All heavy atoms as atom14 arrays in JSON, in Angstrom:
{
  "sequence": "VEALKMANEAIKSGNYHYAIEFEILSSKILNAKKHFEEIPYYNKDILK",
  "atom14_mask": [
    [1, 1, 1, 1, 1, 1, 1, 0, 0, 0, 0, 0, 0, 0],
    [1, 1, 1, 1, 1, 1, 1, 1, 1, 0, 0, 0, 0, 0],
    [1, 1, 1, 1, 1, 0, 0, 0, 0, 0, 0, 0, 0, 0],
    [1, 1, 1, 1, 1, 1, 1, 1, 0, 0, 0, 0, 0, 0],
    [1, 1, 1, 1, 1, 1, 1, 1, 1, 0, 0, 0, 0, 0],
    [1, 1, 1, 1, 1, 1, 1, 1, 0, 0, 0, 0, 0, 0],
    [1, 1, 1, 1, 1, 0, 0, 0, 0, 0, 0, 0, 0, 0],
    [1, 1, 1, 1, 1, 1, 1, 1, 0, 0, 0, 0, 0, 0],
    [1, 1, 1, 1, 1, 1, 1, 1, 1, 0, 0, 0, 0, 0],
    [1, 1, 1, 1, 1, 0, 0, 0, 0, 0, 0, 0, 0, 0],
    [1, 1, 1, 1, 1, 1, 1, 1, 0, 0, 0, 0, 0, 0],
    [1, 1, 1, 1, 1, 1, 1, 1, 1, 0, 0, 0, 0, 0],
    [1, 1, 1, 1, 1, 1, 0, 0, 0, 0, 0, 0, 0, 0],
    [1, 1, 1, 1, 0, 0, 0, 0, 0, 0, 0, 0, 0, 0],
    [1, 1, 1, 1, 1, 1, 1, 1, 0, 0, 0, 0, 0, 0],
    [1, 1, 1, 1, 1, 1, 1, 1, 1, 1, 1, 1, 0, 0],
    [1, 1, 1, 1, 1, 1, 1, 1, 1, 1, 0, 0, 0, 0],
    [1, 1, 1, 1, 1, 1, 1, 1, 1, 1, 1, 1, 0, 0],
    [1, 1, 1, 1, 1, 0, 0, 0, 0, 0, 0, 0, 0, 0],
    [1, 1, 1, 1, 1, 1, 1, 1, 0, 0, 0, 0, 0, 0],
    [1, 1, 1, 1, 1, 1, 1, 1, 1, 0, 0, 0, 0, 0],
    [1, 1, 1, 1, 1, 1, 1, 1, 1, 1, 1, 0, 0, 0],
    [1, 1, 1, 1, 1, 1, 1, 1, 1, 0, 0, 0, 0, 0],
    [1, 1, 1, 1, 1, 1, 1, 1, 0, 0, 0, 0, 0, 0],
    [1, 1, 1, 1, 1, 1, 1, 1, 0, 0, 0, 0, 0, 0],
    [1, 1, 1, 1, 1, 1, 0, 0, 0, 0, 0, 0, 0, 0],
    [1, 1, 1, 1, 1, 1, 0, 0, 0, 0, 0, 0, 0, 0],
    [1, 1, 1, 1, 1, 1, 1, 1, 1, 0, 0, 0, 0, 0],
    [1, 1, 1, 1, 1, 1, 1, 1, 0, 0, 0, 0, 0, 0],
    [1, 1, 1, 1, 1, 1, 1, 1, 0, 0, 0, 0, 0, 0],
    [1, 1, 1, 1, 1, 1, 1, 1, 0, 0, 0, 0, 0, 0],
    [1, 1, 1, 1, 1, 0, 0, 0, 0, 0, 0, 0, 0, 0],
    [1, 1, 1, 1, 1, 1, 1, 1, 1, 0, 0, 0, 0, 0],
    [1, 1, 1, 1, 1, 1, 1, 1, 1, 0, 0, 0, 0, 0],
    [1, 1, 1, 1, 1, 1, 1, 1, 1, 1, 0, 0, 0, 0],
    [1, 1, 1, 1, 1, 1, 1, 1, 1, 1, 1, 0, 0, 0],
    [1, 1, 1, 1, 1, 1, 1, 1, 1, 0, 0, 0, 0, 0],
    [1, 1, 1, 1, 1, 1, 1, 1, 1, 0, 0, 0, 0, 0],
    [1, 1, 1, 1, 1, 1, 1, 1, 0, 0, 0, 0, 0, 0],
    [1, 1, 1, 1, 1, 1, 1, 0, 0, 0, 0, 0, 0, 0],
    [1, 1, 1, 1, 1, 1, 1, 1, 1, 1, 1, 1, 0, 0],
    [1, 1, 1, 1, 1, 1, 1, 1, 1, 1, 1, 1, 0, 0],
    [1, 1, 1, 1, 1, 1, 1, 1, 0, 0, 0, 0, 0, 0],
    [1, 1, 1, 1, 1, 1, 1, 1, 1, 0, 0, 0, 0, 0],
    [1, 1, 1, 1, 1, 1, 1, 1, 0, 0, 0, 0, 0, 0],
    [1, 1, 1, 1, 1, 1, 1, 1, 0, 0, 0, 0, 0, 0],
    [1, 1, 1, 1, 1, 1, 1, 1, 0, 0, 0, 0, 0, 0],
    [1, 1, 1, 1, 1, 1, 1, 1, 1, 0, 0, 0, 0, 0]
  ],
  "atom14_positions": [
    [[0.83, -1.2, 0.0], [0.0, 0.0, 0.0], [0.87, 1.25, 0.0], [0.61, 2.22, -0.72], [-0.95, 0.0, 1.21], [-1.68, 1.34, 1.33], [-1.98, -1.11, 1.07], [0.0, 0.0, 0.0], [0.0, 0.0, 0.0], [0.0, 0.0, 0.0], [0.0, 0.0, 0.0], [0.0, 0.0, 0.0], [0.0, 0.0, 0.0], [0.0, 0.0, 0.0]],
    [[1.94, 1.24, 0.81], [2.86, 2.38, 0.85], [3.5, 2.6, -0.52], [3.64, 3.73, -0.98], [3.94, 2.13, 1.91], [3.41, 2.16, 3.33], [4.43, 1.66, 4.33], [5.61, 1.49, 3.94], [4.08, 1.44, 5.49], [0.0, 0.0, 0.0], [0.0, 0.0, 0.0], [0.0, 0.0, 0.0], [0.0, 0.0, 0.0], [0.0, 0.0, 0.0]],
    [[3.9, 1.5, -1.16], [4.52, 1.59, -2.49], [3.53, 2.18, -3.5], [3.9, 3.02, -4.33], [4.97, 0.2, -2.95], [0.0, 0.0, 0.0], [0.0, 0.0, 0.0], [0.0, 0.0, 0.0], [0.0, 0.0, 0.0], [0.0, 0.0, 0.0], [0.0, 0.0, 0.0], [0.0, 0.0, 0.0], [0.0, 0.0, 0.0], [0.0, 0.0, 0.0]],
    [[2.26, 1.77, -3.4], [1.24, 2.29, -4.31], [1.06, 3.79, -4.11], [0.95, 4.55, -5.08], [-0.08, 1.57, -4.07], [-1.28, 2.06, -4.89], [-1.03, 1.85, -6.38], [-2.55, 1.35, -4.46], [0.0, 0.0, 0.0], [0.0, 0.0, 0.0], [0.0, 0.0, 0.0], [0.0, 0.0, 0.0], [0.0, 0.0, 0.0], [0.0, 0.0, 0.0]],
    [[1.05, 4.23, -2.86], [0.84, 5.65, -2.59], [1.99, 6.48, -3.14], [1.78, 7.54, -3.75], [0.7, 5.88, -1.08], [0.22, 7.28, -0.75], [-0.33, 7.36, 0.65], [-1.01, 8.7, 0.88], [-1.64, 8.82, 2.2], [0.0, 0.0, 0.0], [0.0, 0.0, 0.0], [0.0, 0.0, 0.0], [0.0, 0.0, 0.0], [0.0, 0.0, 0.0]],
    [[3.22, 6.04, -2.94], [4.37, 6.79, -3.44], [4.44, 6.73, -4.96], [4.85, 7.7, -5.61], [5.67, 6.28, -2.82], [5.79, 6.55, -1.33], [5.51, 8.29, -0.89], [6.9, 9.07, -1.69], [0.0, 0.0, 0.0], [0.0, 0.0, 0.0], [0.0, 0.0, 0.0], [0.0, 0.0, 0.0], [0.0, 0.0, 0.0], [0.0, 0.0, 0.0]],
    [[4.05, 5.61, -5.56], [4.0, 5.52, -7.03], [2.98, 6.51, -7.57], [3.2, 7.16, -8.59], [3.63, 4.09, -7.45], [0.0, 0.0, 0.0], [0.0, 0.0, 0.0], [0.0, 0.0, 0.0], [0.0, 0.0, 0.0], [0.0, 0.0, 0.0], [0.0, 0.0, 0.0], [0.0, 0.0, 0.0], [0.0, 0.0, 0.0], [0.0, 0.0, 0.0]],
    [[1.87, 6.65, -6.87], [0.84, 7.6, -7.28], [1.39, 9.03, -7.27], [1.15, 9.81, -8.19], [-0.37, 7.5, -6.36], [-1.51, 8.39, -6.8], [-1.79, 8.5, -7.98], [-2.16, 9.02, -5.85], [0.0, 0.0, 0.0], [0.0, 0.0, 0.0], [0.0, 0.0, 0.0], [0.0, 0.0, 0.0], [0.0, 0.0, 0.0], [0.0, 0.0, 0.0]],
    [[2.16, 9.37, -6.24], [2.75, 10.71, -6.16], [3.75, 10.94, -7.29], [3.81, 12.02, -7.88], [3.45, 10.91, -4.8], [2.49, 10.97, -3.63], [1.44, 12.05, -3.81], [1.78, 13.16, -4.23], [0.26, 11.76, -3.57], [0.0, 0.0, 0.0], [0.0, 0.0, 0.0], [0.0, 0.0, 0.0], [0.0, 0.0, 0.0], [0.0, 0.0, 0.0]],
    [[4.54, 9.91, -7.6], [5.54, 10.03, -8.67], [4.85, 10.23, -10.02], [5.27, 11.06, -10.83], [6.42, 8.78, -8.71], [0.0, 0.0, 0.0], [0.0, 0.0, 0.0], [0.0, 0.0, 0.0], [0.0, 0.0, 0.0], [0.0, 0.0, 0.0], [0.0, 0.0, 0.0], [0.0, 0.0, 0.0], [0.0, 0.0, 0.0], [0.0, 0.0, 0.0]],
    [[3.77, 9.49, -10.26], [3.06, 9.61, -11.53], [2.4, 10.97, -11.66], [2.39, 11.58, -12.73], [2.02, 8.47, -11.66], [2.76, 7.16, -11.96], [1.0, 8.76, -12.76], [1.89, 5.95, -12.01], [0.0, 0.0, 0.0], [0.0, 0.0, 0.0], [0.0, 0.0, 0.0], [0.0, 0.0, 0.0], [0.0, 0.0, 0.0], [0.0, 0.0, 0.0]],
    [[1.86, 11.5, -10.55], [1.23, 12.82, -10.58], [2.24, 13.91, -10.92], [1.88, 14.99, -11.38], [0.58, 13.14, -9.23], [-0.72, 12.4, -8.99], [-1.51, 13.01, -7.84], [-0.76, 12.96, -6.55], [-1.57, 13.46, -5.42], [0.0, 0.0, 0.0], [0.0, 0.0, 0.0], [0.0, 0.0, 0.0], [0.0, 0.0, 0.0], [0.0, 0.0, 0.0]],
    [[3.53, 13.65, -10.67], [4.55, 14.66, -10.87], [4.9, 14.88, -12.34], [5.48, 15.9, -12.69], [5.84, 14.27, -10.12], [5.6, 14.16, -8.75], [0.0, 0.0, 0.0], [0.0, 0.0, 0.0], [0.0, 0.0, 0.0], [0.0, 0.0, 0.0], [0.0, 0.0, 0.0], [0.0, 0.0, 0.0], [0.0, 0.0, 0.0], [0.0, 0.0, 0.0]],
    [[4.6, 13.91, -13.18], [5.01, 14.03, -14.58], [3.84, 13.93, -15.54], [2.68, 13.85, -15.14], [0.0, 0.0, 0.0], [0.0, 0.0, 0.0], [0.0, 0.0, 0.0], [0.0, 0.0, 0.0], [0.0, 0.0, 0.0], [0.0, 0.0, 0.0], [0.0, 0.0, 0.0], [0.0, 0.0, 0.0], [0.0, 0.0, 0.0], [0.0, 0.0, 0.0]],
    [[4.16, 13.96, -16.81], [3.15, 13.82, -17.87], [3.11, 12.36, -18.3], [3.9, 11.93, -19.13], [3.51, 14.7, -19.07], [2.74, 15.99, -19.05], [1.74, 16.1, -18.37], [3.21, 16.96, -19.8], [0.0, 0.0, 0.0], [0.0, 0.0, 0.0], [0.0, 0.0, 0.0], [0.0, 0.0, 0.0], [0.0, 0.0, 0.0], [0.0, 0.0, 0.0]],
    [[2.21, 11.59, -17.74], [2.13, 10.17, -18.06], [0.74, 9.84, -18.6], [-0.26, 10.4, -18.16], [2.39, 9.31, -16.82], [3.78, 9.48, -16.25], [4.01, 10.36, -15.19], [4.86, 8.77, -16.77], [5.27, 10.53, -14.67], [6.13, 8.94, -16.25], [6.33, 9.81, -15.21], [7.59, 9.99, -14.7], [0.0, 0.0, 0.0], [0.0, 0.0, 0.0]],
    [[0.68, 8.89, -19.55], [-0.61, 8.43, -20.04], [-1.37, 7.76, -18.91], [-0.78, 7.08, -18.07], [-0.41, 7.43, -21.18], [0.2, 8.04, -22.41], [-0.4, 9.07, -23.08], [1.35, 7.78, -23.07], [0.35, 9.42, -24.12], [1.42, 8.65, -24.13], [0.0, 0.0, 0.0], [0.0, 0.0, 0.0], [0.0, 0.0, 0.0], [0.0, 0.0, 0.0]],
    [[-2.65, 7.97, -18.85], [-3.53, 7.38, -17.85], [-3.18, 7.81, -16.42], [-3.47, 7.11, -15.46], [-3.51, 5.85, -17.94], [-3.95, 5.32, -19.27], [-3.03, 4.72, -20.13], [-5.28, 5.43, -19.69], [-3.43, 4.25, -21.38], [-5.68, 4.96, -20.93], [-4.75, 4.37, -21.77], [-5.15, 3.9, -23.0], [0.0, 0.0, 0.0], [0.0, 0.0, 0.0]],
    [[-2.56, 8.99, -16.26], [-2.19, 9.45, -14.92], [-3.43, 9.66, -14.05], [-3.45, 9.28, -12.88], [-1.39, 10.75, -15.02], [0.0, 0.0, 0.0], [0.0, 0.0, 0.0], [0.0, 0.0, 0.0], [0.0, 0.0, 0.0], [0.0, 0.0, 0.0], [0.0, 0.0, 0.0], [0.0, 0.0, 0.0], [0.0, 0.0, 0.0], [0.0, 0.0, 0.0]],
    [[-4.47, 10.28, -14.62], [-5.7, 10.52, -13.85], [-6.37, 9.2, -13.49], [-6.81, 8.99, -12.35], [-6.68, 11.41, -14.64], [-6.1, 12.82, -14.79], [-8.04, 11.48, -13.95], [-6.95, 13.75, -15.64], [0.0, 0.0, 0.0], [0.0, 0.0, 0.0], [0.0, 0.0, 0.0], [0.0, 0.0, 0.0], [0.0, 0.0, 0.0], [0.0, 0.0, 0.0]],
    [[-6.42, 8.27, -14.44], [-7.03, 6.97, -14.17], [-6.28, 6.22, -13.07], [-6.89, 5.59, -12.21], [-7.07, 6.13, -15.45], [-8.05, 6.63, -16.5], [-7.5, 7.78, -17.33], [-6.33, 8.2, -17.09], [-8.2, 8.25, -18.23], [0.0, 0.0, 0.0], [0.0, 0.0, 0.0], [0.0, 0.0, 0.0], [0.0, 0.0, 0.0], [0.0, 0.0, 0.0]],
    [[-4.95, 6.31, -13.11], [-4.16, 5.64, -12.08], [-4.4, 6.27, -10.71], [-4.48, 5.58, -9.7], [-2.66, 5.71, -12.42], [-1.8, 4.96, -11.43], [-1.62, 3.6, -11.54], [-1.19, 5.63, -10.37], [-0.84, 2.91, -10.62], [-0.42, 4.95, -9.45], [-0.24, 3.59, -9.58], [0.0, 0.0, 0.0], [0.0, 0.0, 0.0], [0.0, 0.0, 0.0]],
    [[-4.52, 7.6, -10.7], [-4.77, 8.3, -9.43], [-6.11, 7.88, -8.84], [-6.23, 7.66, -7.63], [-4.74, 9.81, -9.67], [-4.8, 10.62, -8.38], [-4.59, 12.1, -8.64], [-4.2, 12.47, -9.76], [-4.82, 12.88, -7.7], [0.0, 0.0, 0.0], [0.0, 0.0, 0.0], [0.0, 0.0, 0.0], [0.0, 0.0, 0.0], [0.0, 0.0, 0.0]],
    [[-7.13, 7.75, -9.69], [-8.45, 7.32, -9.21], [-8.38, 5.89, -8.67], [-8.88, 5.58, -7.59], [-9.48, 7.41, -10.35], [-9.74, 8.87, -10.72], [-10.8, 6.73, -9.95], [-10.61, 9.04, -11.96], [0.0, 0.0, 0.0], [0.0, 0.0, 0.0], [0.0, 0.0, 0.0], [0.0, 0.0, 0.0], [0.0, 0.0, 0.0], [0.0, 0.0, 0.0]],
    [[-7.7, 5.01, -9.42], [-7.56, 3.62, -9.0], [-6.85, 3.51, -7.66], [-7.32, 2.82, -6.74], [-6.8, 2.82, -10.06], [-6.39, 1.39, -9.66], [-7.62, 0.54, -9.39], [-5.52, 0.77, -10.74], [0.0, 0.0, 0.0], [0.0, 0.0, 0.0], [0.0, 0.0, 0.0], [0.0, 0.0, 0.0], [0.0, 0.0, 0.0], [0.0, 0.0, 0.0]],
    [[-5.73, 4.2, -7.54], [-4.96, 4.11, -6.29], [-5.74, 4.69, -5.12], [-5.69, 4.17, -4.01], [-3.61, 4.82, -6.43], [-3.78, 6.17, -6.72], [0.0, 0.0, 0.0], [0.0, 0.0, 0.0], [0.0, 0.0, 0.0], [0.0, 0.0, 0.0], [0.0, 0.0, 0.0], [0.0, 0.0, 0.0], [0.0, 0.0, 0.0], [0.0, 0.0, 0.0]],
    [[-6.5, 5.77, -5.38], [-7.32, 6.36, -4.32], [-8.38, 5.38, -3.84], [-8.67, 5.28, -2.64], [-7.98, 7.65, -4.8], [-7.01, 8.64, -5.04], [0.0, 0.0, 0.0], [0.0, 0.0, 0.0], [0.0, 0.0, 0.0], [0.0, 0.0, 0.0], [0.0, 0.0, 0.0], [0.0, 0.0, 0.0], [0.0, 0.0, 0.0], [0.0, 0.0, 0.0]],
    [[-8.99, 4.65, -4.78], [-10.0, 3.65, -4.4], [-9.38, 2.58, -3.49], [-9.96, 2.2, -2.48], [-10.57, 2.98, -5.66], [-11.53, 3.84, -6.45], [-12.03, 3.06, -7.66], [-13.02, 3.88, -8.46], [-13.49, 3.15, -9.67], [0.0, 0.0, 0.0], [0.0, 0.0, 0.0], [0.0, 0.0, 0.0], [0.0, 0.0, 0.0], [0.0, 0.0, 0.0]],
    [[-8.2, 2.12, -3.86], [-7.55, 1.07, -3.08], [-7.12, 1.59, -1.72], [-7.35, 0.96, -0.69], [-6.34, 0.5, -3.85], [-6.81, -0.2, -5.12], [-5.55, -0.47, -2.97], [-5.69, -0.65, -6.03], [0.0, 0.0, 0.0], [0.0, 0.0, 0.0], [0.0, 0.0, 0.0], [0.0, 0.0, 0.0], [0.0, 0.0, 0.0], [0.0, 0.0, 0.0]],
    [[-6.51, 2.79, -1.72], [-5.97, 3.33, -0.48], [-7.07, 3.7, 0.52], [-6.82, 3.74, 1.72], [-5.12, 4.57, -0.78], [-3.84, 4.29, -1.56], [-3.2, 5.6, -2.0], [-2.86, 3.48, -0.74], [0.0, 0.0, 0.0], [0.0, 0.0, 0.0], [0.0, 0.0, 0.0], [0.0, 0.0, 0.0], [0.0, 0.0, 0.0], [0.0, 0.0, 0.0]],
    [[-8.26, 3.95, 0.04], [-9.35, 4.33, 0.92], [-10.4, 3.23, 1.07], [-11.49, 3.46, 1.58], [-10.03, 5.59, 0.39], [-9.13, 6.8, 0.5], [-8.91, 7.33, 1.58], [-8.58, 7.23, -0.62], [0.0, 0.0, 0.0], [0.0, 0.0, 0.0], [0.0, 0.0, 0.0], [0.0, 0.0, 0.0], [0.0, 0.0, 0.0], [0.0, 0.0, 0.0]],
    [[-10.05, 2.02, 0.65], [-11.02, 0.95, 0.63], [-11.41, 0.48, 2.03], [-12.54, 0.07, 2.26], [-10.49, -0.23, -0.17], [0.0, 0.0, 0.0], [0.0, 0.0, 0.0], [0.0, 0.0, 0.0], [0.0, 0.0, 0.0], [0.0, 0.0, 0.0], [0.0, 0.0, 0.0], [0.0, 0.0, 0.0], [0.0, 0.0, 0.0], [0.0, 0.0, 0.0]],
    [[-10.48, 0.52, 2.97], [-10.77, 0.04, 4.33], [-10.17, 0.99, 5.34], [-9.18, 1.67, 5.07], [-10.16, -1.36, 4.51], [-10.78, -2.44, 3.64], [-10.13, -3.78, 3.88], [-10.42, -4.26, 5.28], [-9.87, -5.61, 5.54], [0.0, 0.0, 0.0], [0.0, 0.0, 0.0], [0.0, 0.0, 0.0], [0.0, 0.0, 0.0], [0.0, 0.0, 0.0]],
    [[-10.75, 1.01, 6.51], [-10.24, 1.89, 7.57], [-8.81, 1.53, 7.92], [-8.04, 2.37, 8.35], [-11.11, 1.78, 8.83], [-12.39, 2.58, 8.74], [-13.07, 2.66, 10.09], [-14.27, 3.59, 10.0], [-14.96, 3.72, 11.29], [0.0, 0.0, 0.0], [0.0, 0.0, 0.0], [0.0, 0.0, 0.0], [0.0, 0.0, 0.0], [0.0, 0.0, 0.0]],
    [[-8.46, 0.27, 7.74], [-7.1, -0.18, 8.05], [-6.06, 0.59, 7.24], [-4.92, 0.75, 7.65], [-7.0, -1.68, 7.76], [-5.63, -2.24, 7.96], [-5.05, -2.34, 9.2], [-4.71, -2.69, 7.08], [-3.83, -2.87, 9.08], [-3.62, -3.09, 7.8], [0.0, 0.0, 0.0], [0.0, 0.0, 0.0], [0.0, 0.0, 0.0], [0.0, 0.0, 0.0]],
    [[-6.47, 1.1, 6.06], [-5.53, 1.78, 5.18], [-5.63, 3.31, 5.27], [-4.99, 4.01, 4.53], [-5.77, 1.37, 3.72], [-5.46, -0.07, 3.45], [-6.22, -0.8, 2.55], [-4.41, -0.7, 4.09], [-5.93, -2.13, 2.29], [-4.11, -2.03, 3.84], [-4.87, -2.74, 2.94], [0.0, 0.0, 0.0], [0.0, 0.0, 0.0], [0.0, 0.0, 0.0]],
    [[-6.49, 3.82, 6.16], [-6.7, 5.26, 6.19], [-5.46, 6.02, 6.62], [-5.14, 7.07, 6.09], [-7.88, 5.6, 7.11], [-9.22, 5.27, 6.47], [-10.37, 5.63, 7.38], [-10.12, 6.24, 8.44], [-11.52, 5.3, 7.04], [0.0, 0.0, 0.0], [0.0, 0.0, 0.0], [0.0, 0.0, 0.0], [0.0, 0.0, 0.0], [0.0, 0.0, 0.0]],
    [[-4.76, 5.49, 7.62], [-3.55, 6.16, 8.09], [-2.34, 5.41, 7.55], [-1.79, 4.54, 8.2], [-3.52, 6.19, 9.63], [-4.62, 7.03, 10.24], [-4.52, 8.49, 9.84], [-3.38, 8.97, 9.61], [-5.55, 9.16, 9.74], [0.0, 0.0, 0.0], [0.0, 0.0, 0.0], [0.0, 0.0, 0.0], [0.0, 0.0, 0.0], [0.0, 0.0, 0.0]],
    [[-1.94, 5.74, 6.34], [-0.82, 5.06, 5.7], [0.45, 5.86, 5.94], [0.5, 7.04, 5.63], [-1.06, 4.9, 4.19], [-2.32, 4.07, 3.99], [0.12, 4.25, 3.51], [-2.83, 4.12, 2.59], [0.0, 0.0, 0.0], [0.0, 0.0, 0.0], [0.0, 0.0, 0.0], [0.0, 0.0, 0.0], [0.0, 0.0, 0.0], [0.0, 0.0, 0.0]],
    [[1.5, 5.25, 6.49], [2.71, 6.0, 6.8], [3.37, 6.57, 5.55], [3.35, 5.96, 4.49], [3.63, 4.95, 7.46], [2.76, 3.8, 7.8], [1.62, 3.83, 6.85], [0.0, 0.0, 0.0], [0.0, 0.0, 0.0], [0.0, 0.0, 0.0], [0.0, 0.0, 0.0], [0.0, 0.0, 0.0], [0.0, 0.0, 0.0], [0.0, 0.0, 0.0]],
    [[3.92, 7.76, 5.7], [4.75, 8.34, 4.62], [5.91, 7.38, 4.36], [6.51, 6.82, 5.27], [5.26, 9.71, 5.06], [6.44, 10.21, 4.27], [6.26, 10.76, 3.02], [7.73, 10.11, 4.79], [7.34, 11.21, 2.29], [8.81, 10.55, 4.06], [8.61, 11.1, 2.82], [9.69, 11.53, 2.1], [0.0, 0.0, 0.0], [0.0, 0.0, 0.0]],
    [[6.27, 7.21, 3.1], [7.32, 6.27, 2.73], [8.4, 6.98, 1.94], [8.12, 7.78, 1.05], [6.75, 5.14, 1.87], [7.8, 4.21, 1.33], [8.37, 3.24, 2.13], [8.22, 4.32, 0.01], [9.34, 2.38, 1.62], [9.18, 3.47, -0.5], [9.73, 2.5, 0.31], [10.7, 1.66, -0.18], [0.0, 0.0, 0.0], [0.0, 0.0, 0.0]],
    [[9.66, 6.71, 2.29], [10.77, 7.23, 1.51], [11.76, 6.1, 1.28], [12.1, 5.36, 2.2], [11.45, 8.38, 2.25], [12.52, 9.04, 1.38], [13.64, 8.56, 1.32], [12.16, 10.13, 0.74], [0.0, 0.0, 0.0], [0.0, 0.0, 0.0], [0.0, 0.0, 0.0], [0.0, 0.0, 0.0], [0.0, 0.0, 0.0], [0.0, 0.0, 0.0]],
    [[12.22, 5.96, 0.03], [13.07, 4.82, -0.31], [14.48, 4.91, 0.25], [15.22, 3.93, 0.27], [13.14, 4.67, -1.83], [13.82, 5.83, -2.55], [13.72, 5.65, -4.05], [14.38, 6.79, -4.79], [14.24, 6.67, -6.25], [0.0, 0.0, 0.0], [0.0, 0.0, 0.0], [0.0, 0.0, 0.0], [0.0, 0.0, 0.0], [0.0, 0.0, 0.0]],
    [[14.88, 6.1, 0.74], [16.22, 6.28, 1.3], [16.22, 5.81, 2.76], [15.93, 6.57, 3.68], [16.64, 7.75, 1.22], [18.11, 7.95, 1.61], [18.74, 6.96, 2.06], [18.61, 9.08, 1.48], [0.0, 0.0, 0.0], [0.0, 0.0, 0.0], [0.0, 0.0, 0.0], [0.0, 0.0, 0.0], [0.0, 0.0, 0.0], [0.0, 0.0, 0.0]],
    [[16.54, 4.53, 2.99], [16.46, 3.96, 4.33], [17.56, 4.49, 5.24], [17.49, 4.34, 6.47], [16.54, 2.41, 4.29], [17.87, 1.96, 3.65], [15.36, 1.83, 3.55], [18.08, 0.45, 3.7], [0.0, 0.0, 0.0], [0.0, 0.0, 0.0], [0.0, 0.0, 0.0], [0.0, 0.0, 0.0], [0.0, 0.0, 0.0], [0.0, 0.0, 0.0]],
    [[18.59, 5.14, 4.69], [19.68, 5.66, 5.5], [19.42, 7.09, 5.96], [20.22, 7.65, 6.71], [21.0, 5.61, 4.7], [21.46, 4.22, 4.27], [22.74, 4.32, 3.46], [21.68, 3.31, 5.48], [0.0, 0.0, 0.0], [0.0, 0.0, 0.0], [0.0, 0.0, 0.0], [0.0, 0.0, 0.0], [0.0, 0.0, 0.0], [0.0, 0.0, 0.0]],
    [[18.32, 7.67, 5.53], [18.01, 9.05, 5.92], [17.73, 9.11, 7.42], [17.0, 8.25, 7.95], [16.81, 9.56, 5.12], [16.48, 11.02, 5.34], [15.38, 11.46, 4.4], [15.86, 11.51, 2.97], [14.85, 12.06, 2.07], [0.0, 0.0, 0.0], [0.0, 0.0, 0.0], [0.0, 0.0, 0.0], [0.0, 0.0, 0.0], [0.0, 0.0, 0.0]]
  ]
}
């Protein structure tokens, strides 16, 4: 879920085909259950 959320942010940053559709899809998944409502911020730099 964290990976999906960060992928969504990356796609929103550029000009990609189906960017809006992907954003809608990811939003549906991320908000599907209360368990996913508070999703931690994710950064790939584990040494930060």
